[in-house]
Amino acid sequence: PFSLCGSFAAPIHRALRRQSRSGLSGVVIPNCSEMTQSGEVYLDCQDQSLTSIPSSSTWSRVPNHLLLARNQIKALRSGSFLGYERLSSLDLQQNQISQVEEDAFQGLTHLTTLLLQHNQLRTLSEEALIPMPNLHYLRLYDNPWKCLCPMESLIRTLQVPSNRNLGNHAKCAEPVSLKDRKLKQIDPDLLCEEFGPNVNVTQTLEPNPIRGKLDATALCHTYLFPVTWMDCRSRGLTEVPPGIPDNVVRVDLSLNKIHHLKPRDFHGAKSLRILNLSSNDMQRIDTGSLSGLLHLQELDLSSNRLHFVQYGVLEDLYFLSKLKLGGNPWMCDYNIHYMVYWLRLHPGVKHSGLLCQSPLEYIGERVEDYVRSYNRDCPKDRQLSRPDQNQRDAEIWDSPMELQGEIEEEELEPSHLRAPQKYQIFRLA
């Protein structure tokens, strides 16, 4: 039940709908979530099947951030955001927007971030941006831009040097001569000269296949709430896409086909805190592939085909606190020791799934237990160079001479002052 007196009712389920604030009009509005973080009000209306912008009078508080991603909005009409004057970010990605009227963003003088990627926009006038003088971050990629004369003013605006974060990665879909050219790189003087109004440049365009070399911002969905993160799941990627922005906190690369992590794959992703690489059929991680991730806190390597992790792979992960390793065919031989020693030196890291899968005699055993037994049994498998070669190993390692040798190794005086020793013991682990 919801109150009809105008008080805000807390959402209890995404699928629910509630009555309008007056309770008399019968208008059904989406069950959006109002949240406060660091003193900022977030209004989350994602995945609500909306076809238009909800009225600002609907909400108990004026939001600073409005999330409208993954709805069914097709057009932004004049005055769509009246009453939302406090907005600093507006997320409209993954809708069906094909039309933006000139006064659609009227009143958004404080807006700094506008996300319009993954829509159906073919043209946009510079006049539509004029009501947003503080706009510093504009995403327009993955729209079928028709780079003709009506786009000239917008393209000139995007190419102003001070607008370096406006319209990055957006590309022309038409005409054929400009297909796949970035809006920031084409010559705006040619748009109205080369193609007159009577020239037919429209043709059916096939979607470009996903290639590993494409920029991460073009391949993945980027979200701003609750943190800046990139959703790259199930994109058919065969390698880590380049160009992960340095402000991204979380990246989900699961359910792809990234078999091999290479050095500097995450170069520049200096703010990354959470990285999911699960379910990639991954077989190899090179030393240096995770270098630079100094602030990484969570790493998911589960459900891959890793037998071991090479020496040095984890050395930059100073603040790692959670490591998922399950679902890998870990091989309990000497190559697995690095992982165990690194975890031993970093006791604050909570890890799971590190179980031997081969060889047969160790299947199901904890890798830590295997390494411990290996170190315990290691001396019994080796012979010392002594006059009596037939002496049993157990007698050698239980003798006082071993104790004497180990104590002498720990003395503090320089080695050249120590008395000569008959032999030295080296523990190889």
Protein backbone atom coordinates (compact mmCIF):
# COMPACT_ATOMS: atom_id res chain seq x y z
CA PRO A 1 0.00 0.00 0.00
CA PHE A 2 1.09 3.57 -0.72
CA SER A 3 0.00 6.79 0.88
CA LEU A 4 -2.22 9.12 -1.17
CA CYS A 5 -1.37 12.21 0.85
CA GLY A 6 1.73 13.09 -1.07
CA SER A 7 4.50 11.62 1.10
CA PHE A 8 7.22 9.68 -0.67
CA ALA A 9 6.91 5.91 -0.39
CA ALA A 10 10.15 3.96 -0.32
CA PRO A 11 10.45 1.51 -3.23
CA ILE A 12 9.94 -2.13 -2.30
CA HIS A 13 10.51 -3.80 -5.67
CA ARG A 14 11.59 -2.78 -9.16
CA ALA A 15 8.53 -4.29 -10.74
CA LEU A 16 6.08 -2.38 -8.59
CA ARG A 17 4.33 0.77 -9.72
CA ARG A 18 2.85 3.47 -7.51
CA GLN A 19 0.21 6.13 -7.86
CA SER A 20 0.98 9.73 -8.68
CA ARG A 21 1.66 12.22 -5.93
CA SER A 22 -1.86 13.62 -6.02
CA GLY A 23 -3.48 10.19 -5.99
CA LEU A 24 -6.33 11.59 -8.16
CA SER A 25 -5.04 11.56 -11.71
CA GLY A 26 -4.58 7.81 -11.91
CA VAL A 27 -1.25 8.28 -13.67
CA VAL A 28 1.08 5.37 -13.04
CA ILE A 29 4.71 6.38 -12.64
CA PRO A 30 7.84 4.24 -12.38
CA ASN A 31 9.09 2.99 -9.07
CA CYS A 32 12.42 4.82 -9.12
CA SER A 33 14.85 4.77 -6.21
CA GLU A 34 15.96 7.92 -4.43
CA MET A 35 19.36 7.58 -2.78
CA THR A 36 21.81 9.92 -1.10
CA GLN A 37 25.56 9.48 -1.34
CA SER A 38 28.13 12.02 -0.14
CA GLY A 39 25.36 14.60 0.19
CA GLU A 40 24.25 14.18 -3.44
CA VAL A 41 20.75 12.93 -4.35
CA TYR A 42 20.63 10.17 -6.97
CA LEU A 43 17.40 9.27 -8.73
CA ASP A 44 17.68 5.80 -10.29
CA CYS A 45 15.04 5.21 -12.97
CA GLN A 46 16.95 2.64 -15.00
CA ASP A 47 15.19 -0.36 -16.60
CA GLN A 48 11.70 1.06 -16.06
CA SER A 49 10.40 0.90 -19.68
CA LEU A 50 9.91 4.67 -19.66
CA THR A 51 8.93 6.38 -22.91
CA SER A 52 9.27 9.95 -21.60
CA ILE A 53 10.99 11.94 -18.87
CA PRO A 54 9.10 11.75 -15.53
CA SER A 55 7.92 15.07 -14.12
CA SER A 56 10.25 16.57 -11.53
CA SER A 57 7.28 17.15 -9.20
CA THR A 58 7.04 13.39 -8.72
CA TRP A 59 9.99 13.15 -6.36
CA SER A 60 10.40 14.05 -2.71
CA ARG A 61 13.75 15.76 -3.34
CA VAL A 62 15.32 17.55 -6.28
CA PRO A 63 17.98 15.17 -7.65
CA ASN A 64 21.57 16.01 -8.49
CA HIS A 65 21.97 12.92 -10.65
CA LEU A 66 19.28 11.40 -12.88
CA LEU A 67 19.78 7.84 -14.20
CA LEU A 68 17.50 6.96 -17.11
CA ALA A 69 19.56 4.30 -18.88
CA ARG A 70 17.99 1.27 -20.58
CA ASN A 71 14.50 2.65 -21.09
CA GLN A 72 12.45 3.18 -24.27
CA ILE A 73 12.68 6.95 -24.67
CA LYS A 74 12.62 7.89 -28.36
CA ALA A 75 12.56 11.70 -28.26
CA LEU A 76 13.59 14.54 -25.95
CA ARG A 77 11.01 17.30 -26.25
CA SER A 78 11.43 20.97 -25.39
CA GLY A 79 11.33 21.55 -21.65
CA SER A 80 11.73 17.85 -20.83
CA PHE A 81 13.93 18.67 -17.84
CA LEU A 82 12.20 21.70 -16.38
CA GLY A 83 12.35 21.38 -12.60
CA TYR A 84 15.61 19.42 -12.74
CA GLU A 85 17.76 22.55 -12.51
CA ARG A 86 20.12 21.06 -9.89
CA LEU A 87 21.24 18.20 -12.11
CA SER A 88 24.99 17.80 -12.51
CA SER A 89 24.83 14.46 -14.38
CA LEU A 90 22.23 12.96 -16.71
CA ASP A 91 22.45 9.36 -17.98
CA LEU A 92 20.31 8.65 -21.07
CA GLN A 93 22.37 5.86 -22.64
CA GLN A 94 20.86 2.70 -24.14
CA ASN A 95 17.49 4.18 -25.02
CA GLN A 96 16.03 4.63 -28.51
CA ILE A 97 16.52 8.39 -28.76
CA SER A 98 16.49 9.60 -32.36
CA GLN A 99 15.34 13.21 -31.86
CA VAL A 100 16.49 15.99 -29.53
CA GLU A 101 14.67 19.31 -29.80
CA GLU A 102 16.70 22.50 -29.36
CA ASP A 103 15.21 23.42 -25.97
CA ALA A 104 15.20 19.87 -24.56
CA PHE A 105 17.93 20.67 -22.03
CA GLN A 106 16.57 24.08 -21.06
CA GLY A 107 17.42 25.02 -17.47
CA LEU A 108 20.29 22.53 -16.99
CA THR A 109 22.86 25.22 -16.29
CA HIS A 110 24.69 23.11 -13.68
CA LEU A 111 24.95 19.96 -15.81
CA THR A 112 28.53 18.76 -16.25
CA THR A 113 27.99 15.20 -17.55
CA LEU A 114 25.60 14.05 -20.29
CA LEU A 115 25.56 10.45 -21.54
CA LEU A 116 23.79 9.90 -24.87
CA GLN A 117 25.76 6.93 -26.19
CA HIS A 118 24.09 3.78 -27.55
CA ASN A 119 21.03 5.51 -29.01
CA GLN A 120 19.69 6.19 -32.52
CA LEU A 121 20.78 9.79 -33.02
CA ARG A 122 21.62 10.72 -36.61
CA THR A 123 21.91 14.46 -36.19
CA LEU A 124 22.16 16.99 -33.35
CA SER A 125 22.38 20.75 -33.44
CA GLU A 126 24.88 22.80 -31.47
CA GLU A 127 21.91 24.84 -30.20
CA ALA A 128 20.81 21.87 -28.12
CA LEU A 129 24.00 22.23 -26.02
CA ILE A 130 23.73 25.97 -25.42
CA PRO A 131 21.57 25.68 -22.23
CA MET A 132 24.43 23.68 -20.62
CA PRO A 133 27.37 26.11 -20.28
CA ASN A 134 29.14 23.93 -17.69
CA LEU A 135 29.04 20.74 -19.75
CA HIS A 136 32.48 19.11 -19.58
CA TYR A 137 31.76 15.48 -20.35
CA LEU A 138 29.58 14.42 -23.31
CA ARG A 139 29.33 10.91 -24.72
CA LEU A 140 27.86 10.44 -28.19
CA TYR A 141 29.43 7.24 -29.53
CA ASP A 142 27.48 4.26 -30.88
CA ASN A 143 24.93 6.47 -32.63
CA PRO A 144 24.43 6.32 -36.43
CA TRP A 145 25.62 9.89 -37.08
CA LYS A 146 24.82 11.28 -40.52
CA CYS A 147 27.73 13.63 -41.15
CA LEU A 148 26.14 16.19 -43.48
CA CYS A 149 25.56 19.95 -43.36
CA PRO A 150 23.14 19.96 -40.36
CA MET A 151 25.95 18.50 -38.22
CA GLU A 152 28.47 21.23 -39.08
CA SER A 153 27.88 23.42 -36.01
CA LEU A 154 28.00 20.49 -33.59
CA ILE A 155 31.20 19.11 -35.11
CA ARG A 156 32.86 22.52 -34.90
CA THR A 157 31.90 22.72 -31.23
CA LEU A 158 33.32 19.26 -30.50
CA GLN A 159 36.61 20.18 -32.17
CA VAL A 160 37.26 23.25 -30.01
CA PRO A 161 40.46 22.37 -28.06
CA SER A 162 38.91 23.21 -24.70
CA ASN A 163 36.13 20.67 -25.39
CA ARG A 164 38.48 17.70 -25.30
CA ASN A 165 35.99 15.52 -23.37
CA LEU A 166 32.99 16.25 -25.59
CA GLY A 167 32.05 13.65 -28.18
CA ASN A 168 35.15 11.46 -28.01
CA HIS A 169 34.93 8.21 -30.05
CA ALA A 170 31.73 9.22 -31.87
CA LYS A 171 31.95 8.23 -35.56
CA CYS A 172 30.08 8.94 -38.77
CA ALA A 173 27.83 6.22 -40.13
CA GLU A 174 26.95 8.16 -43.29
CA PRO A 175 27.86 9.14 -45.97
CA VAL A 176 29.99 6.25 -47.21
CA SER A 177 33.01 8.51 -47.81
CA LEU A 178 33.09 9.46 -44.11
CA LYS A 179 32.00 6.17 -42.59
CA ASP A 180 33.92 5.29 -39.39
CA ARG A 181 35.62 8.70 -39.32
CA LYS A 182 35.57 10.34 -35.89
CA LEU A 183 33.52 13.50 -35.53
CA LYS A 184 36.51 15.19 -33.94
CA GLN A 185 38.71 14.48 -36.96
CA ILE A 186 36.64 15.31 -40.03
CA ASP A 187 36.84 18.71 -41.73
CA PRO A 188 33.55 20.54 -41.02
CA ASP A 189 34.12 22.83 -44.04
CA LEU A 190 33.47 19.90 -46.35
CA LEU A 191 30.11 18.90 -44.90
CA CYS A 192 28.05 21.56 -46.65
CA GLU A 193 30.21 21.84 -49.79
CA GLU A 194 30.69 18.26 -50.85
CA PHE A 195 27.15 17.04 -50.25
CA GLY A 196 24.27 19.19 -51.45
CA PRO A 197 20.64 18.64 -50.51
CA ASN A 198 20.00 16.72 -53.74
CA VAL A 199 22.81 14.21 -53.30
CA ASN A 200 21.64 10.79 -52.21
CA VAL A 201 24.17 9.47 -49.74
CA THR A 202 21.88 7.22 -47.72
CA GLN A 203 22.48 3.50 -47.85
CA THR A 204 21.95 0.53 -45.62
CA LEU A 205 24.81 0.15 -43.19
CA GLU A 206 25.81 -3.15 -41.68
CA PRO A 207 26.93 -3.07 -38.04
CA ASN A 208 30.65 -3.33 -37.57
CA PRO A 209 31.87 -6.59 -36.02
CA ILE A 210 33.53 -6.35 -32.63
CA ARG A 211 37.29 -6.39 -32.89
CA GLY A 212 39.71 -6.64 -30.01
CA LYS A 213 41.50 -3.42 -31.01
CA LEU A 214 38.43 -1.20 -30.66
CA ASP A 215 38.49 1.30 -27.83
CA ALA A 216 37.00 0.17 -24.53
CA THR A 217 34.57 3.09 -24.43
CA ALA A 218 33.15 2.03 -27.79
CA LEU A 219 32.85 -1.64 -26.83
CA CYS A 220 31.54 -1.44 -23.27
CA HIS A 221 28.68 0.28 -21.49
CA THR A 222 29.84 2.90 -19.01
CA TYR A 223 27.85 3.77 -15.89
CA LEU A 224 28.28 6.52 -13.31
CA PHE A 225 26.40 5.11 -10.33
CA PRO A 226 27.13 3.96 -7.70
CA VAL A 227 30.69 4.24 -9.05
CA THR A 228 32.11 4.82 -12.51
CA TRP A 229 32.28 1.35 -14.03
CA MET A 230 32.41 -0.39 -17.41
CA ASP A 231 30.27 -3.38 -18.34
CA CYS A 232 32.21 -5.41 -20.96
CA ARG A 233 30.47 -8.74 -20.32
CA SER A 234 29.71 -11.13 -23.19
CA ARG A 235 31.21 -8.92 -25.90
CA GLY A 236 33.16 -11.64 -27.70
CA LEU A 237 36.45 -9.98 -26.75
CA THR A 238 39.66 -11.91 -27.37
CA GLU A 239 41.87 -9.43 -25.52
CA VAL A 240 41.57 -6.58 -23.04
CA PRO A 241 40.32 -3.54 -25.00
CA PRO A 242 42.62 -0.51 -24.86
CA GLY A 243 41.66 2.91 -23.60
CA ILE A 244 40.03 2.13 -20.26
CA PRO A 245 39.56 5.65 -18.80
CA ASP A 246 41.67 6.51 -15.77
CA ASN A 247 38.60 7.37 -13.67
CA VAL A 248 36.93 3.97 -14.00
CA VAL A 249 36.68 2.19 -10.64
CA ARG A 250 35.26 -1.16 -11.76
CA VAL A 251 35.59 -3.21 -14.95
CA ASP A 252 33.65 -6.41 -15.69
CA LEU A 253 35.29 -8.42 -18.50
CA SER A 254 33.66 -11.74 -17.65
CA LEU A 255 32.12 -14.14 -20.16
CA ASN A 256 34.50 -13.27 -22.99
CA LYS A 257 37.29 -15.21 -24.74
CA ILE A 258 40.38 -13.52 -23.32
CA HIS A 259 42.79 -16.46 -23.20
CA HIS A 260 45.95 -14.48 -22.48
CA LEU A 261 46.70 -11.39 -20.36
CA LYS A 262 49.65 -9.45 -21.75
CA PRO A 263 51.96 -6.84 -20.19
CA ARG A 264 50.44 -3.36 -19.89
CA ASP A 265 46.92 -4.60 -20.67
CA PHE A 266 45.58 -2.30 -17.95
CA HIS A 267 48.05 0.52 -18.43
CA GLY A 268 46.39 3.81 -17.51
CA ALA A 269 43.54 2.28 -15.47
CA LYS A 270 45.07 3.75 -12.34
CA SER A 271 41.77 4.14 -10.41
CA LEU A 272 40.64 0.53 -10.87
CA ARG A 273 39.41 -1.06 -7.63
CA ILE A 274 37.42 -4.09 -8.88
CA LEU A 275 38.37 -6.29 -11.86
CA ASN A 276 36.33 -9.30 -13.00
CA LEU A 277 38.07 -11.64 -15.47
CA SER A 278 36.03 -14.76 -14.73
CA SER A 279 34.76 -17.21 -17.37
CA ASN A 280 37.23 -16.26 -20.11
CA ASP A 281 38.84 -19.65 -20.73
CA MET A 282 42.06 -17.87 -19.71
CA GLN A 283 45.21 -19.98 -19.79
CA ARG A 284 48.06 -17.55 -19.20
CA ILE A 285 48.81 -14.34 -17.30
CA ASP A 286 52.11 -12.69 -18.18
CA THR A 287 54.24 -10.92 -15.63
CA GLY A 288 53.45 -7.22 -15.91
CA SER A 289 49.89 -7.72 -17.14
CA LEU A 290 48.50 -6.29 -13.89
CA SER A 291 51.22 -3.70 -13.40
CA GLY A 292 49.99 -0.25 -12.42
CA LEU A 293 46.87 -1.51 -10.62
CA LEU A 294 48.19 -0.20 -7.33
CA HIS A 295 44.72 0.40 -5.86
CA LEU A 296 43.04 -2.83 -6.97
CA GLN A 297 41.02 -4.33 -4.12
CA GLU A 298 39.09 -7.20 -5.72
CA LEU A 299 40.24 -9.56 -8.48
CA ASP A 300 38.12 -12.39 -9.90
CA LEU A 301 40.04 -15.04 -11.88
CA SER A 302 37.52 -17.83 -11.34
CA SER A 303 36.23 -20.27 -13.98
CA ASN A 304 39.24 -20.10 -16.28
CA ARG A 305 41.90 -22.61 -17.37
CA LEU A 306 44.80 -21.44 -15.22
CA HIS A 307 47.28 -24.09 -14.02
CA PHE A 308 49.46 -21.60 -12.14
CA VAL A 309 50.29 -17.89 -11.95
CA GLN A 310 53.72 -16.82 -13.13
CA TYR A 311 56.22 -15.35 -10.72
CA GLY A 312 55.76 -11.59 -10.25
CA VAL A 313 52.21 -11.28 -11.62
CA LEU A 314 50.76 -10.13 -8.29
CA GLU A 315 53.58 -7.86 -7.15
CA ASP A 316 51.82 -4.51 -7.81
CA LEU A 317 48.62 -5.44 -5.98
CA TYR A 318 49.50 -3.80 -2.68
CA PHE A 319 45.90 -3.21 -1.54
CA LEU A 320 44.24 -6.39 -2.80
CA SER A 321 41.76 -7.72 -0.24
CA LYS A 322 39.70 -10.28 -2.18
CA LEU A 323 40.87 -12.88 -4.72
CA LYS A 324 38.58 -15.44 -6.38
CA LEU A 325 40.39 -18.45 -7.85
CA GLY A 326 37.79 -21.24 -8.01
CA GLY A 327 37.00 -23.21 -11.14
CA ASN A 328 40.60 -23.38 -12.43
CA PRO A 329 42.57 -26.61 -13.04
CA TRP A 330 45.35 -25.69 -10.59
CA MET A 331 48.32 -28.04 -11.00
CA CYS A 332 50.12 -28.80 -7.77
CA ASP A 333 53.74 -28.80 -8.81
CA TYR A 334 56.57 -26.37 -8.19
CA ASN A 335 55.03 -23.65 -10.41
CA ILE A 336 52.13 -23.17 -7.98
CA HIS A 337 54.43 -22.20 -5.09
CA TYR A 338 54.61 -18.51 -6.05
CA MET A 339 50.88 -18.05 -5.51
CA VAL A 340 51.03 -19.63 -2.05
CA TYR A 341 54.08 -17.64 -0.96
CA TRP A 342 52.51 -14.39 -2.16
CA LEU A 343 49.31 -15.13 -0.21
CA ARG A 344 51.40 -16.00 2.85
CA LEU A 345 53.10 -12.61 2.64
CA HIS A 346 49.71 -10.88 2.25
CA PRO A 347 47.55 -12.37 5.02
CA GLY A 348 44.89 -9.68 4.58
CA VAL A 349 43.87 -11.10 1.19
CA LYS A 350 40.77 -13.28 1.45
CA HIS A 351 40.99 -15.92 -1.25
CA SER A 352 38.87 -18.86 -2.29
CA GLY A 353 38.98 -21.78 -4.70
CA LEU A 354 42.70 -22.61 -4.59
CA LEU A 355 42.45 -26.42 -4.78
CA CYS A 356 44.67 -28.94 -6.54
CA GLN A 357 43.11 -30.45 -9.67
CA SER A 358 46.19 -32.40 -10.75
CA PRO A 359 48.20 -34.60 -10.45
CA LEU A 360 45.88 -37.39 -9.43
CA GLU A 361 47.28 -37.93 -5.93
CA TYR A 362 46.58 -34.30 -4.92
CA ILE A 363 43.12 -33.74 -6.42
CA GLY A 364 40.90 -31.86 -3.98
CA GLU A 365 43.73 -30.95 -1.63
CA ARG A 366 44.23 -27.33 -0.63
CA VAL A 367 47.20 -25.90 -2.50
CA GLU A 368 48.53 -24.44 0.76
CA ASP A 369 48.54 -27.93 2.30
CA TYR A 370 50.32 -29.33 -0.74
CA VAL A 371 53.09 -26.72 -0.52
CA ARG A 372 53.42 -27.27 3.21
CA SER A 373 53.83 -31.02 2.73
CA TYR A 374 56.23 -30.40 -0.14
CA ASN A 375 58.47 -28.30 2.08
CA ARG A 376 58.22 -30.82 4.89
CA ASP A 377 59.13 -33.77 2.71
CA CYS A 378 61.60 -32.01 0.42
CA PRO A 379 64.82 -32.87 2.37
CA LYS A 380 63.93 -36.59 2.40
CA ASP A 381 64.15 -36.66 -1.37
CA ARG A 382 67.70 -35.37 -1.53
CA GLN A 383 71.08 -36.84 -0.70
CA LEU A 384 73.86 -34.91 1.02
CA SER A 385 77.44 -35.25 -0.17
CA ARG A 386 78.91 -37.12 2.81
CA PRO A 387 81.57 -39.79 3.20
CA ASP A 388 78.96 -42.43 4.08
CA GLN A 389 76.61 -42.40 1.08
CA ASN A 390 74.59 -45.27 2.50
CA GLN A 391 73.50 -43.39 5.61
CA ARG A 392 69.72 -43.03 5.75
CA ASP A 393 68.23 -39.59 4.97
CA ALA A 394 66.30 -39.58 8.20
CA GLU A 395 69.49 -39.97 10.19
CA ILE A 396 71.16 -37.14 8.31
CA TRP A 397 68.33 -34.66 8.92
CA ASP A 398 67.82 -35.67 12.54
CA SER A 399 71.51 -35.34 13.43
CA PRO A 400 72.97 -32.56 15.58
CA MET A 401 75.08 -31.51 12.58
CA GLU A 402 72.00 -30.14 10.83
CA LEU A 403 71.14 -28.06 13.88
CA GLN A 404 74.73 -26.82 14.09
CA GLY A 405 74.73 -25.86 10.44
CA GLU A 406 71.46 -23.96 10.67
CA ILE A 407 72.53 -22.07 13.79
CA GLU A 408 75.82 -21.08 12.24
CA GLU A 409 74.00 -19.72 9.19
CA GLU A 410 72.08 -17.31 11.44
CA GLU A 411 75.10 -15.85 13.26
CA LEU A 412 75.61 -12.14 12.79
CA GLU A 413 79.37 -11.93 12.22
CA PRO A 414 80.61 -11.59 8.63
CA SER A 415 80.99 -14.84 6.76
CA HIS A 416 84.78 -14.48 6.32
CA LEU A 417 85.22 -14.53 10.14
CA ARG A 418 83.29 -17.73 10.62
CA ALA A 419 85.04 -21.03 11.24
CA PRO A 420 85.23 -23.36 8.22
CA GLN A 421 82.33 -25.76 7.95
CA LYS A 422 82.49 -29.33 6.78
CA TYR A 423 79.42 -28.79 4.65
CA GLN A 424 76.53 -26.35 4.32
CA ILE A 425 72.82 -27.02 4.19
CA PHE A 426 70.60 -25.24 1.67
CA ARG A 427 66.85 -25.56 1.89
CA LEU A 428 65.31 -25.25 -1.60
CA ALA A 429 61.61 -24.44 -1.53
